[in-house]
Amino acid sequence: MNRVLWVCNIMLPAVGQALHLPCSNREGWLSGIFERVQSAKAPFALGICFPMDQGTLERADGKRIGERVKEFSVGGTLCYAFAENLGAPEVYDSGMEEAFREILTGFEPDMIHVFGTEFPHTLAAVRAFGRPERTLIGIQGLCGEIARVYMADLPRKVQRAATFRDLVRRDSIRRQQEKFVLRGKYEAEAIRGCVNITGRTRFDREGTERINPRARYFAMNETMRPAFYEGAWSLESCEEHSIFLGQGDYPLKGMHFVLQAMGLLLPDYPDLKLYVAGNSVIAHGTARERLKLPAYGKYLLSLIRENGLTERVVMTGKLDEGQMKERFLKSSVFVCASVLENSPNTVGEAQLLGVPVAASRAGGIPDLITDGEDGLLFPAGDAEALAGALRSLWDRTGDGEGLCLSRRLSRKARERARRTYDGEENYRRLLEIYGEIVK
């Protein structure tokens, strides 16, 4: 039986729960694959490794197999935590290569599957394994491409601005862009160091081909978190004229465009409301919060005031799977305003539930949505076009079947998403790819 080692960006929730450690649901789609591997008696032995900060690693109750690695067994699956400073993904630590050599010696994989290129441990794993023909990298986004558009059409004075928080943390908007440039260099070397790539869109295929023309590209869709395969959005149950944005804590996500669009819409929709999940960069109620404001957060606050939206923006904080689903179902539209995305899982989750989607025509998003059929696309960074898309989605005029645009798009989106995110089909494809690599 072949042995496959997964190199993940996070500790999977199932692993965290078993080890009684805090974990992230940021990439919940990984859990969908993991559950199938465990329940389907996969024709390969699976090992999983993931990063952990040094302090948590020291406290974790596991078998130490190196200075920076601990081993655990979760439901019969061998898991390895390795120390990495996730707060500085622009810094390459060559010590991780030794950590991976210890993991590889312990598990002895026939191939490794690295999920994502966002962190330097991807390059460390590729270097330590040293077998390009047995290395598979799954593309989530491309840091090098993100670096190019990171400023997202912000005014020049905002791009140059730096608050007290930015200066102390050395984390201004310009510095954030520079960090992505560095991450893109590690990413490119990792992609050049492997022979096998998985992706889902024309954007990631063309992007990786430019970096490594000799790599084999395998198309494979993702499987979403289980909760999103049940339940359906309905016009009657949602909060009319409410917008849901999955993230808004840095320029790439385009929250500033949403606020500008809301300013155009407010005269006609006085009950307009925006809900934003994830980290808040606009909290300013206390002196401490004001000291922690980044320049981008200050810019967002200025747009909120200028457009009369002070009572119209709700920051929900981080949401777990159930809370995220609830927020989707309560919203009248989901907006993805990013200036660049590959295949955002929030779009897939919205489509599975049938939430009407308005998304920017950027990166791989056009491969997920057919404009006017199962969602609406607008030019990235165009607030007026976004406002127009929202007006269309809030128009309740019926068609020949008596369906308004939102209802029609909702029905088609669910049909498409059921095919795209079919867990069984995606698992079958995963096994097929593994078979091609190790044969």
Protein backbone atom coordinates (compact mmCIF):
# COMPACT_ATOMS: atom_id res chain seq x y z
CA MET A 1 0.00 0.00 0.00
CA ASN A 2 1.38 3.42 -0.97
CA ARG A 3 2.01 6.00 1.72
CA VAL A 4 0.90 9.62 1.15
CA LEU A 5 1.94 12.53 3.35
CA TRP A 6 -0.25 15.62 3.37
CA VAL A 7 1.45 18.93 4.11
CA CYS A 8 -1.32 21.26 5.30
CA ASN A 9 -1.43 24.97 6.14
CA ILE A 10 -3.54 24.36 9.25
CA MET A 11 -4.25 21.69 11.82
CA LEU A 12 -7.45 20.02 10.65
CA PRO A 13 -10.43 20.52 13.00
CA ALA A 14 -10.77 16.75 13.46
CA VAL A 15 -7.14 16.57 14.59
CA GLY A 16 -7.46 19.61 16.85
CA GLN A 17 -10.56 18.21 18.54
CA ALA A 18 -8.87 14.86 19.13
CA LEU A 19 -5.80 16.55 20.62
CA HIS A 20 -7.86 19.13 22.57
CA LEU A 21 -6.02 21.97 20.88
CA PRO A 22 -7.40 25.18 19.34
CA CYS A 23 -7.69 24.94 15.57
CA SER A 24 -8.86 26.95 12.59
CA ASN A 25 -11.75 26.22 10.24
CA ARG A 26 -10.17 28.50 7.63
CA GLU A 27 -9.75 25.72 5.11
CA GLY A 28 -12.66 23.49 6.03
CA TRP A 29 -12.69 21.86 2.61
CA LEU A 30 -9.67 19.82 3.73
CA SER A 31 -11.86 18.18 6.36
CA GLY A 32 -14.19 17.02 3.61
CA ILE A 33 -11.40 15.04 1.96
CA PHE A 34 -10.03 13.78 5.30
CA GLU A 35 -13.41 12.41 6.38
CA ARG A 36 -13.73 10.47 3.14
CA VAL A 37 -10.23 9.07 3.45
CA GLN A 38 -10.97 7.84 6.96
CA SER A 39 -14.44 6.46 6.25
CA ALA A 40 -13.79 4.95 2.82
CA LYS A 41 -10.82 2.78 3.80
CA ALA A 42 -8.60 4.53 1.32
CA PRO A 43 -6.21 2.43 -0.80
CA PHE A 44 -3.26 4.33 0.67
CA ALA A 45 -1.84 5.01 4.12
CA LEU A 46 -2.24 8.66 5.05
CA GLY A 47 0.02 10.84 7.18
CA ILE A 48 -0.69 14.50 7.94
CA CYS A 49 1.69 17.27 8.96
CA PHE A 50 0.83 20.85 9.83
CA PRO A 51 2.43 23.97 11.34
CA MET A 52 2.14 25.02 14.97
CA ASP A 53 3.73 27.87 16.87
CA GLN A 54 6.62 26.81 19.08
CA GLY A 55 4.82 27.51 22.35
CA THR A 56 1.79 25.39 21.48
CA LEU A 57 4.07 22.65 20.20
CA GLU A 58 5.89 22.55 23.54
CA ARG A 59 2.59 22.20 25.43
CA ALA A 60 1.08 19.60 23.10
CA ASP A 61 1.02 16.05 24.46
CA GLY A 62 2.75 14.09 21.71
CA LYS A 63 5.84 12.05 20.98
CA ARG A 64 8.81 14.28 20.24
CA ILE A 65 10.75 13.10 17.20
CA GLY A 66 12.96 16.16 16.81
CA GLU A 67 13.60 19.57 18.26
CA ARG A 68 10.76 21.07 16.25
CA VAL A 69 8.47 18.09 15.55
CA LYS A 70 5.95 16.07 17.56
CA GLU A 71 4.04 12.98 16.44
CA PHE A 72 0.43 12.09 17.28
CA SER A 73 -2.00 9.35 16.30
CA VAL A 74 -5.56 10.43 15.50
CA GLY A 75 -8.00 7.69 14.63
CA GLY A 76 -5.15 5.55 13.34
CA THR A 77 -3.71 8.37 11.21
CA LEU A 78 -0.17 9.52 12.00
CA CYS A 79 -0.01 13.30 12.41
CA TYR A 80 3.04 15.51 12.77
CA ALA A 81 3.17 19.08 14.07
CA PHE A 82 6.18 21.17 13.11
CA ALA A 83 7.17 24.56 14.51
CA GLU A 84 6.71 27.54 12.20
CA ASN A 85 6.26 31.26 12.76
CA LEU A 86 2.95 31.74 10.94
CA GLY A 87 2.97 35.40 11.89
CA ALA A 88 5.88 36.00 9.49
CA PRO A 89 5.11 34.02 6.32
CA GLU A 90 7.54 36.20 4.38
CA VAL A 91 10.51 34.77 6.32
CA TYR A 92 12.10 31.52 5.17
CA ASP A 93 13.45 29.39 8.02
CA SER A 94 15.86 26.76 6.70
CA GLY A 95 15.48 24.89 9.99
CA MET A 96 12.12 23.65 8.72
CA GLU A 97 13.95 21.53 6.16
CA GLU A 98 15.49 19.48 8.98
CA ALA A 99 12.07 19.21 10.62
CA PHE A 100 10.63 17.81 7.41
CA ARG A 101 13.51 15.37 7.04
CA GLU A 102 12.63 14.03 10.49
CA ILE A 103 8.96 13.69 9.48
CA LEU A 104 9.88 12.02 6.20
CA THR A 105 12.20 9.58 7.96
CA GLY A 106 9.46 8.68 10.41
CA PHE A 107 6.63 8.26 7.90
CA GLU A 108 8.53 7.18 4.75
CA PRO A 109 6.00 8.46 2.20
CA ASP A 110 5.87 7.34 -1.43
CA MET A 111 4.60 10.81 -2.34
CA ILE A 112 3.76 14.11 -0.68
CA HIS A 113 0.71 16.27 -1.36
CA VAL A 114 1.23 19.90 -0.36
CA PHE A 115 -1.97 21.94 0.02
CA GLY A 116 -1.23 25.56 -0.89
CA THR A 117 1.82 27.70 -1.54
CA GLU A 118 1.09 30.57 0.85
CA PHE A 119 3.65 29.62 3.52
CA PRO A 120 7.40 28.95 3.31
CA HIS A 121 6.96 25.43 4.70
CA THR A 122 5.85 24.45 1.19
CA LEU A 123 9.32 25.16 -0.14
CA ALA A 124 10.93 23.48 2.89
CA ALA A 125 8.88 20.31 2.29
CA VAL A 126 9.72 20.24 -1.43
CA ARG A 127 13.44 20.69 -0.74
CA ALA A 128 13.54 18.10 2.05
CA PHE A 129 11.66 15.45 0.06
CA GLY A 130 13.77 15.99 -3.04
CA ARG A 131 11.60 13.87 -5.35
CA PRO A 132 9.90 16.22 -7.84
CA GLU A 133 8.17 13.36 -9.71
CA ARG A 134 6.48 12.25 -6.46
CA THR A 135 5.60 15.77 -5.24
CA LEU A 136 2.10 17.17 -5.79
CA ILE A 137 1.25 20.79 -4.99
CA GLY A 138 -2.38 21.88 -4.77
CA ILE A 139 -2.86 25.53 -5.73
CA GLN A 140 -5.09 27.65 -3.50
CA GLY A 141 -3.95 31.10 -4.60
CA LEU A 142 -0.79 32.52 -6.14
CA CYS A 143 1.14 34.91 -3.90
CA GLY A 144 3.16 36.29 -6.80
CA GLU A 145 -0.02 37.34 -8.62
CA ILE A 146 -1.52 38.77 -5.44
CA ALA A 147 1.55 40.97 -4.94
CA ARG A 148 0.97 42.63 -8.31
CA VAL A 149 -2.57 43.80 -7.51
CA TYR A 150 -2.38 44.06 -3.74
CA MET A 151 -3.10 47.82 -3.59
CA ALA A 152 -6.52 47.26 -5.16
CA ASP A 153 -6.79 50.80 -6.59
CA LEU A 154 -6.44 52.49 -3.20
CA PRO A 155 -5.76 56.25 -3.36
CA ARG A 156 -2.05 57.02 -3.36
CA LYS A 157 -2.20 58.75 0.01
CA VAL A 158 -3.79 55.65 1.55
CA GLN A 159 -1.15 53.41 -0.01
CA ARG A 160 1.57 55.56 1.60
CA ALA A 161 -0.19 55.95 4.96
CA ALA A 162 0.99 54.26 8.16
CA THR A 163 -0.72 54.39 11.55
CA PHE A 164 0.87 53.93 14.99
CA ARG A 165 -0.04 50.25 14.79
CA ASP A 166 1.52 49.90 11.33
CA LEU A 167 4.78 51.51 12.45
CA VAL A 168 5.08 49.41 15.60
CA ARG A 169 4.36 46.16 13.76
CA ARG A 170 6.20 47.18 10.60
CA ASP A 171 3.07 46.21 8.77
CA SER A 172 1.95 49.13 6.60
CA ILE A 173 0.02 48.51 3.39
CA ARG A 174 3.22 48.88 1.35
CA ARG A 175 5.01 46.49 3.68
CA GLN A 176 2.18 43.97 3.30
CA GLN A 177 2.62 44.09 -0.45
CA GLU A 178 6.38 43.60 -0.08
CA LYS A 179 5.72 40.52 2.06
CA PHE A 180 3.64 39.01 -0.73
CA VAL A 181 6.48 39.67 -3.15
CA LEU A 182 8.81 37.63 -0.92
CA ARG A 183 6.22 34.90 -0.47
CA GLY A 184 5.83 34.78 -4.24
CA LYS A 185 9.55 34.03 -4.62
CA TYR A 186 9.36 31.03 -2.25
CA GLU A 187 6.18 29.93 -4.00
CA ALA A 188 7.82 30.03 -7.45
CA GLU A 189 10.79 27.98 -6.29
CA ALA A 190 8.48 25.39 -4.76
CA ILE A 191 6.42 25.13 -7.96
CA ARG A 192 9.60 24.74 -10.01
CA GLY A 193 10.69 21.98 -7.62
CA CYS A 194 7.76 19.68 -8.34
CA VAL A 195 6.38 17.91 -11.39
CA ASN A 196 2.70 17.67 -10.42
CA ILE A 197 0.14 20.43 -9.86
CA THR A 198 -3.57 20.33 -9.01
CA GLY A 199 -5.86 23.26 -9.66
CA ARG A 200 -9.39 24.22 -10.68
CA THR A 201 -9.27 27.25 -12.92
CA ARG A 202 -7.70 28.67 -16.04
CA PHE A 203 -6.08 31.29 -13.82
CA ASP A 204 -4.11 28.81 -11.68
CA ARG A 205 -3.26 26.63 -14.67
CA GLU A 206 -1.82 29.48 -16.71
CA GLY A 207 -0.09 30.96 -13.65
CA THR A 208 1.71 27.74 -12.76
CA GLU A 209 2.59 27.02 -16.39
CA ARG A 210 4.42 30.35 -16.57
CA ILE A 211 6.48 29.34 -13.53
CA ASN A 212 7.05 25.68 -14.44
CA PRO A 213 6.12 24.73 -18.02
CA ARG A 214 7.23 21.11 -17.50
CA ALA A 215 4.82 20.38 -14.62
CA ARG A 216 1.83 18.10 -15.19
CA TYR A 217 -1.47 19.81 -14.39
CA PHE A 218 -4.33 17.79 -12.90
CA ALA A 219 -7.76 19.42 -12.69
CA MET A 220 -9.52 18.63 -9.42
CA ASN A 221 -12.35 20.45 -7.69
CA GLU A 222 -12.64 20.91 -3.94
CA THR A 223 -15.17 19.47 -1.51
CA MET A 224 -16.86 21.99 0.76
CA ARG A 225 -17.65 21.65 4.45
CA PRO A 226 -20.51 19.19 5.16
CA ALA A 227 -22.99 21.74 6.53
CA PHE A 228 -23.27 23.53 3.19
CA TYR A 229 -24.69 20.50 1.38
CA GLU A 230 -27.88 20.77 3.44
CA GLY A 231 -30.41 23.59 3.51
CA ALA A 232 -31.38 26.15 0.90
CA TRP A 233 -31.66 29.91 0.69
CA SER A 234 -35.10 31.40 0.20
CA LEU A 235 -36.19 34.93 -0.58
CA GLU A 236 -38.84 34.79 2.13
CA SER A 237 -36.38 33.88 4.90
CA CYS A 238 -33.58 36.35 4.18
CA GLU A 239 -33.10 39.91 5.38
CA GLU A 240 -34.01 42.08 2.42
CA HIS A 241 -31.25 44.33 1.05
CA SER A 242 -28.58 42.72 3.24
CA ILE A 243 -25.12 42.02 1.84
CA PHE A 244 -22.71 39.41 3.16
CA LEU A 245 -18.96 39.78 2.63
CA GLY A 246 -16.76 36.86 3.68
CA GLN A 247 -13.71 38.94 4.61
CA GLY A 248 -12.63 42.57 4.61
CA ASP A 249 -9.44 42.94 6.59
CA TYR A 250 -7.02 43.78 3.78
CA PRO A 251 -7.28 45.67 0.46
CA LEU A 252 -7.30 42.63 -1.84
CA LYS A 253 -10.77 41.65 -0.56
CA GLY A 254 -12.27 44.88 -1.86
CA MET A 255 -14.39 45.99 1.09
CA HIS A 256 -13.76 49.60 0.06
CA PHE A 257 -15.51 48.95 -3.25
CA VAL A 258 -18.53 47.52 -1.42
CA LEU A 259 -18.77 50.60 0.79
CA GLN A 260 -18.58 52.87 -2.27
CA ALA A 261 -21.34 50.86 -3.96
CA MET A 262 -23.47 51.10 -0.81
CA GLY A 263 -23.13 54.88 -0.89
CA LEU A 264 -24.69 54.85 -4.36
CA LEU A 265 -27.48 52.51 -3.26
CA LEU A 266 -28.43 54.01 0.10
CA PRO A 267 -30.86 56.69 -1.23
CA ASP A 268 -33.00 53.98 -2.84
CA TYR A 269 -32.49 51.29 -0.18
CA PRO A 270 -32.52 53.01 3.25
CA ASP A 271 -32.65 49.60 5.00
CA LEU A 272 -29.38 48.54 3.33
CA LYS A 273 -27.01 46.57 5.56
CA LEU A 274 -23.58 44.97 5.22
CA TYR A 275 -22.33 42.02 7.30
CA VAL A 276 -18.61 41.25 7.17
CA ALA A 277 -17.09 38.05 8.60
CA GLY A 278 -13.54 37.55 9.85
CA ASN A 279 -11.12 39.92 11.53
CA SER A 280 -12.31 43.48 12.05
CA VAL A 281 -9.92 46.29 11.14
CA ILE A 282 -12.38 49.09 11.92
CA ALA A 283 -13.00 48.63 15.66
CA HIS A 284 -12.43 52.06 17.25
CA GLY A 285 -14.70 52.32 20.28
CA THR A 286 -11.91 52.42 22.85
CA ALA A 287 -8.52 54.15 23.01
CA ARG A 288 -6.84 50.77 22.76
CA GLU A 289 -8.79 49.88 19.62
CA ARG A 290 -7.95 53.24 18.04
CA LEU A 291 -4.24 52.59 18.65
CA LYS A 292 -4.59 49.24 16.87
CA LEU A 293 -6.25 50.70 13.75
CA PRO A 294 -4.30 49.97 10.54
CA ALA A 295 -4.22 52.46 7.69
CA TYR A 296 -6.64 50.36 5.67
CA GLY A 297 -9.07 50.29 8.59
CA LYS A 298 -8.90 54.10 8.89
CA TYR A 299 -9.66 54.39 5.19
CA LEU A 300 -12.67 52.08 5.54
CA LEU A 301 -13.96 54.17 8.45
CA SER A 302 -13.66 57.33 6.34
CA LEU A 303 -15.74 55.69 3.59
CA ILE A 304 -18.33 54.57 6.12
CA ARG A 305 -18.70 58.13 7.41
CA GLU A 306 -18.63 59.78 3.97
CA ASN A 307 -21.33 57.46 2.63
CA GLY A 308 -23.61 57.68 5.68
CA LEU A 309 -23.15 54.01 6.57
CA THR A 310 -22.31 54.32 10.28
CA GLU A 311 -25.32 52.20 11.29
CA ARG A 312 -25.19 50.02 8.19
CA VAL A 313 -21.99 47.96 8.70
CA VAL A 314 -21.84 44.98 11.07
CA MET A 315 -18.55 43.17 11.72
CA THR A 316 -19.52 39.66 12.80
CA GLY A 317 -16.06 38.48 13.85
CA LYS A 318 -14.84 34.98 13.03
CA LEU A 319 -17.66 32.54 12.33
CA ASP A 320 -17.59 28.77 12.67
CA GLU A 321 -19.17 26.48 10.08
CA GLY A 322 -22.69 26.69 11.52
CA GLN A 323 -22.57 30.44 12.07
CA MET A 324 -21.26 31.01 8.56
CA LYS A 325 -24.09 28.98 7.09
CA GLU A 326 -26.65 30.89 9.15
CA ARG A 327 -25.27 34.22 7.96
CA PHE A 328 -25.37 33.08 4.33
CA LEU A 329 -29.02 32.04 4.61
CA LYS A 330 -30.06 35.31 6.25
CA SER A 331 -28.44 37.48 3.57
CA SER A 332 -30.14 38.58 0.38
CA VAL A 333 -26.86 38.48 -1.57
CA PHE A 334 -23.28 37.31 -1.14
CA VAL A 335 -20.63 39.60 -2.61
CA CYS A 336 -17.07 38.65 -3.54
CA ALA A 337 -15.43 41.98 -4.35
CA SER A 338 -11.82 40.76 -4.42
CA VAL A 339 -9.50 42.18 -7.05
CA LEU A 340 -7.98 38.70 -7.34
CA GLU A 341 -9.08 35.23 -6.23
CA ASN A 342 -8.48 31.77 -7.59
CA SER A 343 -11.55 29.81 -6.48
CA PRO A 344 -12.88 31.32 -3.24
CA ASN A 345 -14.60 28.71 -1.09
CA THR A 346 -17.09 31.30 0.11
CA VAL A 347 -18.45 31.51 -3.42
CA GLY A 348 -18.77 27.71 -3.53
CA GLU A 349 -20.52 27.63 -0.15
CA ALA A 350 -22.94 30.37 -1.22
CA GLN A 351 -23.72 28.50 -4.45
CA LEU A 352 -24.37 25.22 -2.62
CA LEU A 353 -26.95 26.98 -0.46
CA GLY A 354 -28.37 28.90 -3.41
CA VAL A 355 -27.49 32.36 -2.07
CA PRO A 356 -27.45 34.84 -5.00
CA VAL A 357 -23.85 35.83 -5.75
CA ALA A 358 -22.35 38.99 -7.22
CA ALA A 359 -18.61 38.57 -7.78
CA SER A 360 -15.77 40.41 -9.46
CA ARG A 361 -14.60 39.16 -12.84
CA ALA A 362 -11.08 38.41 -11.63
CA GLY A 363 -8.67 35.48 -11.41
CA GLY A 364 -10.45 32.15 -11.49
CA ILE A 365 -13.90 33.44 -10.48
CA PRO A 366 -15.29 33.41 -14.06
CA ASP A 367 -14.71 29.63 -14.06
CA LEU A 368 -17.10 29.34 -11.11
CA ILE A 369 -19.89 31.60 -12.34
CA THR A 370 -21.62 32.02 -15.69
CA ASP A 371 -22.70 35.65 -15.73
CA GLY A 372 -26.47 36.03 -15.74
CA GLU A 373 -27.10 32.30 -15.44
CA ASP A 374 -25.98 31.24 -11.96
CA GLY A 375 -24.59 34.51 -10.61
CA LEU A 376 -23.59 38.01 -11.66
CA LEU A 377 -20.07 39.18 -12.53
CA PHE A 378 -18.85 42.78 -12.47
CA PRO A 379 -15.46 44.30 -13.41
CA ALA A 380 -13.08 44.13 -10.47
CA GLY A 381 -12.84 47.45 -8.66
CA ASP A 382 -15.91 48.96 -10.33
CA ALA A 383 -18.19 50.18 -7.52
CA GLU A 384 -20.83 51.49 -9.94
CA ALA A 385 -21.05 48.13 -11.70
CA LEU A 386 -21.33 46.36 -8.34
CA ALA A 387 -24.15 48.71 -7.36
CA GLY A 388 -25.87 47.90 -10.65
CA ALA A 389 -25.55 44.16 -10.01
CA LEU A 390 -27.10 44.57 -6.56
CA ARG A 391 -29.97 46.60 -8.00
CA SER A 392 -30.64 43.77 -10.45
CA LEU A 393 -30.60 41.17 -7.67
CA TRP A 394 -33.00 43.25 -5.58
CA ASP A 395 -35.44 43.76 -8.47
CA ARG A 396 -38.41 41.50 -7.73
CA THR A 397 -39.89 41.65 -11.22
CA GLY A 398 -40.78 38.14 -12.37
CA ASP A 399 -39.84 36.48 -15.67
CA GLY A 400 -42.03 34.21 -17.83
CA GLU A 401 -42.03 31.61 -15.05
CA GLY A 402 -42.77 34.19 -12.39
CA LEU A 403 -39.23 34.05 -11.04
CA CYS A 404 -37.25 37.17 -10.22
CA LEU A 405 -33.54 37.22 -11.05
CA SER A 406 -32.44 36.24 -7.54
CA ARG A 407 -34.68 33.16 -7.48
CA ARG A 408 -33.57 32.11 -10.95
CA LEU A 409 -29.88 32.49 -10.19
CA SER A 410 -30.31 30.71 -6.86
CA ARG A 411 -31.80 27.62 -8.49
CA LYS A 412 -29.14 27.42 -11.22
CA ALA A 413 -26.30 28.03 -8.77
CA ARG A 414 -27.37 25.09 -6.59
CA GLU A 415 -27.55 22.80 -9.62
CA ARG A 416 -24.07 23.79 -10.74
CA ALA A 417 -22.53 23.61 -7.28
CA ARG A 418 -23.88 20.11 -6.68
CA ARG A 419 -21.86 18.97 -9.69
CA THR A 420 -18.73 21.02 -9.04
CA TYR A 421 -18.42 20.19 -5.36
CA ASP A 422 -19.58 16.57 -5.49
CA GLY A 423 -17.58 15.00 -2.68
CA GLU A 424 -17.63 11.46 -4.04
CA GLU A 425 -16.55 12.53 -7.52
CA ASN A 426 -13.77 14.72 -6.13
CA TYR A 427 -12.51 11.88 -3.92
CA ARG A 428 -12.50 9.54 -6.92
CA ARG A 429 -10.48 12.11 -8.85
CA LEU A 430 -8.00 12.42 -5.96
CA LEU A 431 -7.38 8.66 -6.03
CA GLU A 432 -6.97 8.81 -9.81
CA ILE A 433 -4.32 11.54 -9.53
CA TYR A 434 -2.43 9.68 -6.81
CA GLY A 435 -2.46 6.57 -8.99
CA GLU A 436 -0.97 8.51 -11.92
CA ILE A 437 1.82 9.90 -9.76
CA VAL A 438 2.95 6.69 -8.02
CA LYS A 439 2.48 4.20 -10.82
